[in-house]
Amino acid sequence: MKKSVYAKCPVCGSMIEVNAENGSVIRHFKPKENKDGEDSLSTALKELKTRETKLEEAFSKGKDTEKNKPDRLEKIFNEEKEKARKEKDIKPGLREIDLD
């Protein structure tokens, strides 16, 4: 039964699988390369800050929308009320008792 150990390569920084019995390298995993040549931690931090900024903008936009919602609904209600007054063709709806 082979036992293997995973370790970080001291030369290139990638992961290697080493046979625990004799110390031979079984597999060599290539490291993920960034386009900018930066390390993955800095890239992850930049992505996190970008995402945090986008979420903050979306939150403030939603907050503003909810703050103005009562005024907007009141305006729509008044417009529909005026429209109903001008038409004056409002009949009460049919009830079940009227259908007999």
C-alpha atoms as a PDB file:
ATOM      1  CA  MET A   1       0.000   0.000   0.000  1.00  0.00           C
ATOM      2  CA  LYS A   2       1.501   3.264  -1.131  1.00  0.00           C
ATOM      3  CA  LYS A   3       1.298   6.239   1.159  1.00  0.00           C
ATOM      4  CA  SER A   4       1.763   9.616  -0.397  1.00  0.00           C
ATOM      5  CA  VAL A   5       2.368  13.029   1.054  1.00  0.00           C
ATOM      6  CA  TYR A   6       1.525  16.346  -0.579  1.00  0.00           C
ATOM      7  CA  ALA A   7       3.996  19.168  -0.238  1.00  0.00           C
ATOM      8  CA  LYS A   8       4.837  22.492  -1.786  1.00  0.00           C
ATOM      9  CA  CYS A   9       7.767  22.380  -4.198  1.00  0.00           C
ATOM     10  CA  PRO A  10      10.615  24.550  -2.893  1.00  0.00           C
ATOM     11  CA  VAL A  11      11.775  25.384  -6.425  1.00  0.00           C
ATOM     12  CA  CYS A  12       8.632  26.422  -8.287  1.00  0.00           C
ATOM     13  CA  GLY A  13       6.037  26.719  -5.510  1.00  0.00           C
ATOM     14  CA  SER A  14       3.651  24.155  -7.035  1.00  0.00           C
ATOM     15  CA  MET A  15       2.199  21.137  -5.254  1.00  0.00           C
ATOM     16  CA  ILE A  16       3.908  17.773  -5.557  1.00  0.00           C
ATOM     17  CA  GLU A  17       2.839  14.307  -4.478  1.00  0.00           C
ATOM     18  CA  VAL A  18       5.719  12.431  -2.810  1.00  0.00           C
ATOM     19  CA  ASN A  19       5.908   8.739  -2.036  1.00  0.00           C
ATOM     20  CA  ALA A  20       6.279   8.508   1.746  1.00  0.00           C
ATOM     21  CA  GLU A  21       8.190   5.227   1.607  1.00  0.00           C
ATOM     22  CA  ASN A  22      11.074   6.162  -0.653  1.00  0.00           C
ATOM     23  CA  GLY A  23      10.739   9.950  -1.143  1.00  0.00           C
ATOM     24  CA  SER A  24      10.242   9.876  -4.911  1.00  0.00           C
ATOM     25  CA  VAL A  25       8.002  12.400  -6.614  1.00  0.00           C
ATOM     26  CA  ILE A  26       4.849  10.739  -7.947  1.00  0.00           C
ATOM     27  CA  ARG A  27       3.059  13.723  -9.454  1.00  0.00           C
ATOM     28  CA  HIS A  28       3.826  17.374 -10.038  1.00  0.00           C
ATOM     29  CA  PHE A  29       0.819  19.721 -10.122  1.00  0.00           C
ATOM     30  CA  LYS A  30       1.402  22.853 -12.156  1.00  0.00           C
ATOM     31  CA  PRO A  31       0.625  26.055 -10.287  1.00  0.00           C
ATOM     32  CA  LYS A  32      -2.208  28.245 -11.467  1.00  0.00           C
ATOM     33  CA  GLU A  33      -0.750  31.147 -13.354  1.00  0.00           C
ATOM     34  CA  ASN A  34      -2.259  34.593 -13.129  1.00  0.00           C
ATOM     35  CA  LYS A  35      -2.418  36.767 -16.201  1.00  0.00           C
ATOM     36  CA  ASP A  36      -0.938  39.719 -14.359  1.00  0.00           C
ATOM     37  CA  GLY A  37       1.909  37.732 -12.840  1.00  0.00           C
ATOM     38  CA  GLU A  38       0.626  38.512  -9.324  1.00  0.00           C
ATOM     39  CA  ASP A  39       0.175  35.974  -6.597  1.00  0.00           C
ATOM     40  CA  SER A  40      -3.244  34.464  -6.060  1.00  0.00           C
ATOM     41  CA  LEU A  41      -3.775  36.131  -2.679  1.00  0.00           C
ATOM     42  CA  SER A  42      -3.480  39.668  -4.088  1.00  0.00           C
ATOM     43  CA  THR A  43      -5.771  38.734  -6.974  1.00  0.00           C
ATOM     44  CA  ALA A  44      -8.340  37.297  -4.564  1.00  0.00           C
ATOM     45  CA  LEU A  45      -8.190  40.435  -2.407  1.00  0.00           C
ATOM     46  CA  LYS A  46      -8.747  42.668  -5.433  1.00  0.00           C
ATOM     47  CA  GLU A  47     -11.728  40.560  -6.524  1.00  0.00           C
ATOM     48  CA  LEU A  48     -13.133  40.677  -3.003  1.00  0.00           C
ATOM     49  CA  LYS A  49     -12.839  44.477  -2.850  1.00  0.00           C
ATOM     50  CA  THR A  50     -14.432  44.815  -6.283  1.00  0.00           C
ATOM     51  CA  ARG A  51     -17.298  42.565  -5.263  1.00  0.00           C
ATOM     52  CA  GLU A  52     -17.720  44.438  -1.980  1.00  0.00           C
ATOM     53  CA  THR A  53     -17.925  47.740  -3.858  1.00  0.00           C
ATOM     54  CA  LYS A  54     -20.554  46.360  -6.252  1.00  0.00           C
ATOM     55  CA  LEU A  55     -22.618  45.000  -3.369  1.00  0.00           C
ATOM     56  CA  GLU A  56     -22.418  48.325  -1.539  1.00  0.00           C
ATOM     57  CA  GLU A  57     -23.596  50.181  -4.666  1.00  0.00           C
ATOM     58  CA  ALA A  58     -26.481  47.746  -5.167  1.00  0.00           C
ATOM     59  CA  PHE A  59     -27.459  48.089  -1.509  1.00  0.00           C
ATOM     60  CA  SER A  60     -27.482  51.902  -1.596  1.00  0.00           C
ATOM     61  CA  LYS A  61     -29.456  51.876  -4.857  1.00  0.00           C
ATOM     62  CA  GLY A  62     -32.040  49.517  -3.338  1.00  0.00           C
ATOM     63  CA  LYS A  63     -32.141  51.607  -0.190  1.00  0.00           C
ATOM     64  CA  ASP A  64     -32.901  54.746  -2.221  1.00  0.00           C
ATOM     65  CA  THR A  65     -35.562  52.919  -4.190  1.00  0.00           C
ATOM     66  CA  GLU A  66     -37.267  51.708  -1.014  1.00  0.00           C
ATOM     67  CA  LYS A  67     -37.026  55.168   0.540  1.00  0.00           C
ATOM     68  CA  ASN A  68     -38.914  56.706  -2.403  1.00  0.00           C
ATOM     69  CA  LYS A  69     -41.394  53.831  -2.738  1.00  0.00           C
ATOM     70  CA  PRO A  70     -44.250  55.333  -0.636  1.00  0.00           C
ATOM     71  CA  ASP A  71     -44.167  58.596  -2.620  1.00  0.00           C
ATOM     72  CA  ARG A  72     -44.097  56.700  -5.908  1.00  0.00           C
ATOM     73  CA  LEU A  73     -47.026  54.477  -4.895  1.00  0.00           C
ATOM     74  CA  GLU A  74     -49.009  57.476  -3.666  1.00  0.00           C
ATOM     75  CA  LYS A  75     -48.458  59.208  -7.017  1.00  0.00           C
ATOM     76  CA  ILE A  76     -49.611  56.143  -8.964  1.00  0.00           C
ATOM     77  CA  PHE A  77     -52.668  55.785  -6.714  1.00  0.00           C
ATOM     78  CA  ASN A  78     -53.664  59.438  -7.212  1.00  0.00           C
ATOM     79  CA  GLU A  79     -53.227  59.171 -10.996  1.00  0.00           C
ATOM     80  CA  GLU A  80     -55.471  56.117 -11.141  1.00  0.00           C
ATOM     81  CA  LYS A  81     -58.033  57.778  -8.879  1.00  0.00           C
ATOM     82  CA  GLU A  82     -58.163  60.824 -11.184  1.00  0.00           C
ATOM     83  CA  LYS A  83     -58.466  58.570 -14.203  1.00  0.00           C
ATOM     84  CA  ALA A  84     -61.408  56.771 -12.578  1.00  0.00           C
ATOM     85  CA  ARG A  85     -63.132  60.082 -11.759  1.00  0.00           C
ATOM     86  CA  LYS A  86     -62.783  61.310 -15.351  1.00  0.00           C
ATOM     87  CA  GLU A  87     -64.189  58.136 -16.860  1.00  0.00           C
ATOM     88  CA  LYS A  88     -67.226  58.006 -14.527  1.00  0.00           C
ATOM     89  CA  ASP A  89     -68.107  54.699 -16.102  1.00  0.00           C
ATOM     90  CA  ILE A  90     -67.542  52.804 -12.924  1.00  0.00           C
ATOM     91  CA  LYS A  91     -70.003  50.038 -12.270  1.00  0.00           C
ATOM     92  CA  PRO A  92     -69.875  47.851  -9.236  1.00  0.00           C
ATOM     93  CA  GLY A  93     -68.645  44.360  -9.890  1.00  0.00           C
ATOM     94  CA  LEU A  94     -71.004  41.416 -10.071  1.00  0.00           C
ATOM     95  CA  ARG A  95     -71.618  39.485  -6.920  1.00  0.00           C
ATOM     96  CA  GLU A  96     -72.494  35.815  -6.760  1.00  0.00           C
ATOM     97  CA  ILE A  97     -75.983  36.669  -5.558  1.00  0.00           C
ATOM     98  CA  ASP A  98     -76.578  38.774  -8.709  1.00  0.00           C
ATOM     99  CA  LEU A  99     -75.963  35.783 -10.939  1.00  0.00           C
ATOM    100  CA  ASP A 100     -78.952  33.777  -9.617  1.00  0.00           C
END
